[in-house]
Amino acid sequence: MTTLKTDIHMHTGFSPDSITSIEHFMMKCLEKGLECIAITDHNTIDGAIAIRDISPIPVIIGEEVKSRDGDIIGLFLQETVPEGLSALETVKIIKSQGGIVSIPHPFDHFRRLVIRKEALNEIVNYVDIIEGFNARNTLHRDNISAKNFASEHNLLTASVSDSHTLFEIGNTYMDIPTFDNNPSAFLKNLPKAKHITNKTTPLIHVLTTLTRNYKKLRRI
């Protein structure tokens, strides 16, 4: 059975907390043998489109949306989803584009923009995927909590790198049986995926914060 080495939560310099150029990003993905990638920059699909335009491998257009209730990822998007809406409004827009709703790092104890538990329960019927393993989660128990929530609600799980830097790329991924680059084919084969997981050092969050502050200062 042929598979695609896939990561569905990745960031480029189009995110405020990354300085990775699309050229270096693409080179590293190919070096690491990735065969399908979802670019999920914060509050924009521009990075995903830029990568798609130069990529020799399939690219899923995604976005990590900052809703009022916390982060929500849309995959297979056609347009940027506005930030600042409620979780319910956000997932409805994603679905209106034919997209997939994935909840990133839902039980991380240290990130500011984790979705509120009440909001997650409100939108659970719209959710397709829970990140059962996010390489940037500091506590192992937070990934376990995510897997347990997915199991309780009969939701699919994904393992992702959440990469913001070059050295995180290829650290965590899924080997998914080969699928056409569309939502239904992806969701059909995701349950058959083999998950390859490696935690990123917690120090990466310091680098992310420094990057965000550096980019803010450059705009002043």
Protein backbone atom coordinates (compact mmCIF):
# COMPACT_ATOMS: atom_id res chain seq x y z
CA MET A 1 0.00 0.00 0.00
CA THR A 2 1.42 3.36 -0.99
CA THR A 3 1.26 6.20 1.49
CA LEU A 4 1.85 9.94 1.66
CA LYS A 5 4.12 11.33 4.37
CA THR A 6 1.80 14.11 5.55
CA ASP A 7 1.84 16.99 8.03
CA ILE A 8 -1.35 19.07 8.38
CA HIS A 9 -0.24 21.83 10.78
CA MET A 10 2.72 23.91 9.57
CA HIS A 11 3.66 27.59 9.57
CA THR A 12 5.71 29.86 7.31
CA GLY A 13 6.92 33.44 7.56
CA PHE A 14 3.38 34.52 6.71
CA SER A 15 2.64 33.80 10.39
CA PRO A 16 3.62 36.52 12.90
CA ASP A 17 5.66 34.03 14.94
CA SER A 18 7.75 32.54 12.13
CA ILE A 19 10.48 33.91 9.87
CA THR A 20 10.73 30.87 7.61
CA SER A 21 10.80 31.88 3.94
CA ILE A 22 8.64 29.88 1.57
CA GLU A 23 11.72 28.85 -0.42
CA HIS A 24 13.58 27.48 2.61
CA PHE A 25 10.38 25.93 3.92
CA MET A 26 9.82 24.05 0.68
CA MET A 27 13.44 22.90 0.47
CA LYS A 28 13.29 21.50 4.01
CA CYS A 29 10.00 19.68 3.35
CA LEU A 30 11.52 17.96 0.34
CA GLU A 31 14.73 17.20 2.22
CA LYS A 32 12.69 15.51 4.96
CA GLY A 33 10.69 13.51 2.44
CA LEU A 34 7.29 15.04 3.13
CA GLU A 35 4.82 14.20 0.37
CA CYS A 36 1.73 16.23 1.34
CA ILE A 37 1.60 19.34 3.52
CA ALA A 38 -1.05 21.64 4.93
CA ILE A 39 0.06 25.23 5.48
CA THR A 40 -1.89 26.68 8.39
CA ASP A 41 -0.53 30.17 8.95
CA HIS A 42 -2.23 32.38 11.51
CA ASN A 43 -5.27 34.21 10.11
CA THR A 44 -4.29 34.00 6.44
CA ILE A 45 -4.15 31.52 3.57
CA ASP A 46 -1.62 33.65 1.66
CA GLY A 47 1.32 31.51 2.78
CA ALA A 48 -0.46 28.33 1.75
CA ILE A 49 -1.16 29.75 -1.69
CA ALA A 50 2.44 30.92 -2.07
CA ILE A 51 3.71 27.45 -1.16
CA ARG A 52 1.21 25.75 -3.46
CA ASP A 53 2.46 27.85 -6.36
CA ILE A 54 6.03 26.53 -6.01
CA SER A 55 5.45 23.07 -4.55
CA PRO A 56 6.07 19.82 -6.46
CA ILE A 57 4.02 17.96 -3.81
CA PRO A 58 0.32 18.31 -2.89
CA VAL A 59 -0.50 21.30 -0.69
CA ILE A 60 -3.64 21.62 1.42
CA ILE A 61 -4.74 25.24 1.84
CA GLY A 62 -5.25 25.84 5.54
CA GLU A 63 -5.44 28.52 8.19
CA GLU A 64 -5.15 28.64 11.97
CA VAL A 65 -7.92 31.07 12.80
CA LYS A 66 -7.89 33.14 15.98
CA SER A 67 -11.54 33.04 16.98
CA ARG A 68 -12.86 34.86 20.03
CA ASP A 69 -12.98 31.49 21.74
CA GLY A 70 -9.53 30.23 20.76
CA ASP A 71 -7.67 28.73 17.81
CA ILE A 72 -9.45 26.68 15.15
CA ILE A 73 -7.89 25.24 11.99
CA GLY A 74 -9.63 25.12 8.64
CA LEU A 75 -8.29 22.81 5.93
CA PHE A 76 -9.11 22.74 2.21
CA LEU A 77 -10.11 26.40 2.29
CA GLN A 78 -10.97 28.65 -0.64
CA GLU A 79 -10.70 31.99 1.18
CA THR A 80 -9.20 33.40 4.36
CA VAL A 81 -11.53 32.99 7.34
CA PRO A 82 -11.76 36.26 9.33
CA GLU A 83 -10.33 36.27 12.82
CA GLY A 84 -12.22 37.52 15.86
CA LEU A 85 -15.50 35.69 15.28
CA SER A 86 -17.04 33.22 17.70
CA ALA A 87 -16.03 29.59 17.45
CA LEU A 88 -19.45 28.73 16.05
CA GLU A 89 -19.29 31.44 13.40
CA THR A 90 -15.76 30.36 12.49
CA VAL A 91 -16.57 26.69 11.95
CA LYS A 92 -19.67 27.56 9.94
CA ILE A 93 -17.56 29.64 7.55
CA ILE A 94 -15.04 26.80 7.21
CA LYS A 95 -17.83 24.35 6.43
CA SER A 96 -19.43 26.78 3.96
CA GLN A 97 -16.19 26.58 1.94
CA GLY A 98 -16.33 22.79 1.93
CA GLY A 99 -13.50 22.71 4.44
CA ILE A 100 -12.48 20.46 7.31
CA VAL A 101 -12.46 21.65 10.92
CA SER A 102 -9.47 20.60 13.02
CA ILE A 103 -8.93 21.67 16.62
CA PRO A 104 -5.27 22.41 17.40
CA HIS A 105 -3.68 21.62 20.79
CA PRO A 106 -7.09 21.72 22.53
CA PHE A 107 -5.89 20.91 26.06
CA ASP A 108 -2.46 22.58 26.14
CA HIS A 109 -2.00 24.15 29.57
CA PHE A 110 0.50 26.78 28.46
CA ARG A 111 -0.80 28.37 25.24
CA ARG A 112 -2.98 31.46 25.43
CA LEU A 113 -5.20 30.69 22.47
CA VAL A 114 -6.39 27.19 23.29
CA ILE A 115 -10.08 26.90 22.52
CA ARG A 116 -12.34 27.33 25.55
CA LYS A 117 -13.84 24.06 26.73
CA GLU A 118 -17.37 25.49 26.56
CA ALA A 119 -16.82 26.58 22.97
CA LEU A 120 -15.37 23.21 22.00
CA ASN A 121 -18.43 21.47 23.40
CA GLU A 122 -20.68 23.90 21.51
CA ILE A 123 -19.05 23.21 18.13
CA VAL A 124 -18.19 19.54 18.59
CA ASN A 125 -20.71 18.43 15.94
CA TYR A 126 -18.85 20.56 13.37
CA VAL A 127 -15.42 19.18 14.26
CA ASP A 128 -13.75 16.60 12.02
CA ILE A 129 -10.32 16.25 13.63
CA ILE A 130 -8.73 16.67 17.04
CA GLU A 131 -4.97 17.01 17.25
CA GLY A 132 -4.22 13.94 19.32
CA PHE A 133 -0.52 14.71 19.20
CA ASN A 134 0.92 18.19 18.77
CA ALA A 135 4.72 18.12 18.91
CA ARG A 136 4.79 21.52 20.62
CA ASN A 137 2.64 20.48 23.57
CA THR A 138 4.88 20.62 26.62
CA LEU A 139 2.95 18.12 28.74
CA HIS A 140 2.37 14.57 27.53
CA ARG A 141 -0.91 14.49 29.44
CA ASP A 142 -2.29 17.29 27.26
CA ASN A 143 -1.95 15.08 24.18
CA ILE A 144 -3.55 12.21 26.10
CA SER A 145 -6.48 14.45 27.06
CA ALA A 146 -6.96 15.35 23.40
CA LYS A 147 -6.98 11.69 22.35
CA ASN A 148 -9.46 10.85 25.07
CA PHE A 149 -11.76 13.69 24.01
CA ALA A 150 -11.62 12.50 20.39
CA SER A 151 -12.43 8.94 21.44
CA GLU A 152 -15.36 10.06 23.60
CA HIS A 153 -16.85 12.04 20.71
CA ASN A 154 -15.96 9.62 17.89
CA LEU A 155 -13.66 12.14 16.19
CA LEU A 156 -10.60 11.52 14.04
CA THR A 157 -7.16 12.35 15.42
CA ALA A 158 -4.08 13.76 13.77
CA SER A 159 -0.42 13.97 14.76
CA VAL A 160 1.23 17.22 13.70
CA SER A 161 4.50 19.09 14.02
CA ASP A 162 2.96 22.57 14.37
CA SER A 163 6.30 23.64 12.90
CA HIS A 164 7.29 27.31 12.97
CA THR A 165 11.00 26.75 12.31
CA LEU A 166 12.98 24.73 9.81
CA PHE A 167 14.35 22.23 12.32
CA GLU A 168 10.82 21.20 13.39
CA ILE A 169 9.82 20.14 9.87
CA GLY A 170 9.59 16.38 9.47
CA ASN A 171 9.74 15.84 13.23
CA THR A 172 6.16 14.57 13.47
CA TYR A 173 3.96 13.42 10.59
CA MET A 174 1.48 10.80 9.44
CA ASP A 175 1.87 8.13 6.78
CA ILE A 176 -1.59 8.21 5.20
CA PRO A 177 -2.67 5.82 2.43
CA THR A 178 -2.47 7.77 -0.81
CA PHE A 179 -5.46 10.05 -1.27
CA ASP A 180 -6.71 12.57 -3.80
CA ASN A 181 -6.22 16.14 -2.58
CA ASN A 182 -9.81 16.76 -1.49
CA PRO A 183 -11.61 16.72 1.88
CA SER A 184 -13.61 13.52 1.48
CA ALA A 185 -10.67 11.44 0.26
CA PHE A 186 -8.48 12.80 3.04
CA LEU A 187 -11.02 12.05 5.77
CA LYS A 188 -11.64 8.57 4.37
CA ASN A 189 -7.97 7.59 4.61
CA LEU A 190 -6.95 9.46 7.77
CA PRO A 191 -8.15 6.65 10.12
CA LYS A 192 -5.69 4.29 8.40
CA ALA A 193 -2.70 6.56 9.04
CA LYS A 194 0.46 5.53 10.85
CA HIS A 195 1.47 8.27 13.30
CA ILE A 196 5.16 9.12 13.72
CA THR A 197 5.53 11.37 16.76
CA ASN A 198 8.44 13.22 18.35
CA LYS A 199 8.12 16.01 20.89
CA THR A 200 9.77 19.35 20.23
CA THR A 201 11.83 20.94 22.99
CA PRO A 202 9.75 23.33 25.15
CA LEU A 203 12.44 25.96 24.51
CA ILE A 204 10.94 26.38 21.05
CA HIS A 205 8.22 28.52 22.60
CA VAL A 206 10.87 31.03 23.72
CA LEU A 207 12.10 31.30 20.14
CA THR A 208 8.55 31.74 18.89
CA THR A 209 7.93 34.57 21.36
CA LEU A 210 11.19 36.28 20.39
CA THR A 211 10.27 35.98 16.72
CA ARG A 212 6.84 37.49 17.30
CA ASN A 213 8.31 40.43 19.23
CA TYR A 214 11.04 40.96 16.63
CA LYS A 215 8.50 41.14 13.82
CA LYS A 216 6.37 43.57 15.83
CA LEU A 217 9.37 45.86 16.36
CA ARG A 218 10.18 45.80 12.65
CA ARG A 219 6.70 47.12 11.89
CA ILE A 220 7.13 50.13 14.20
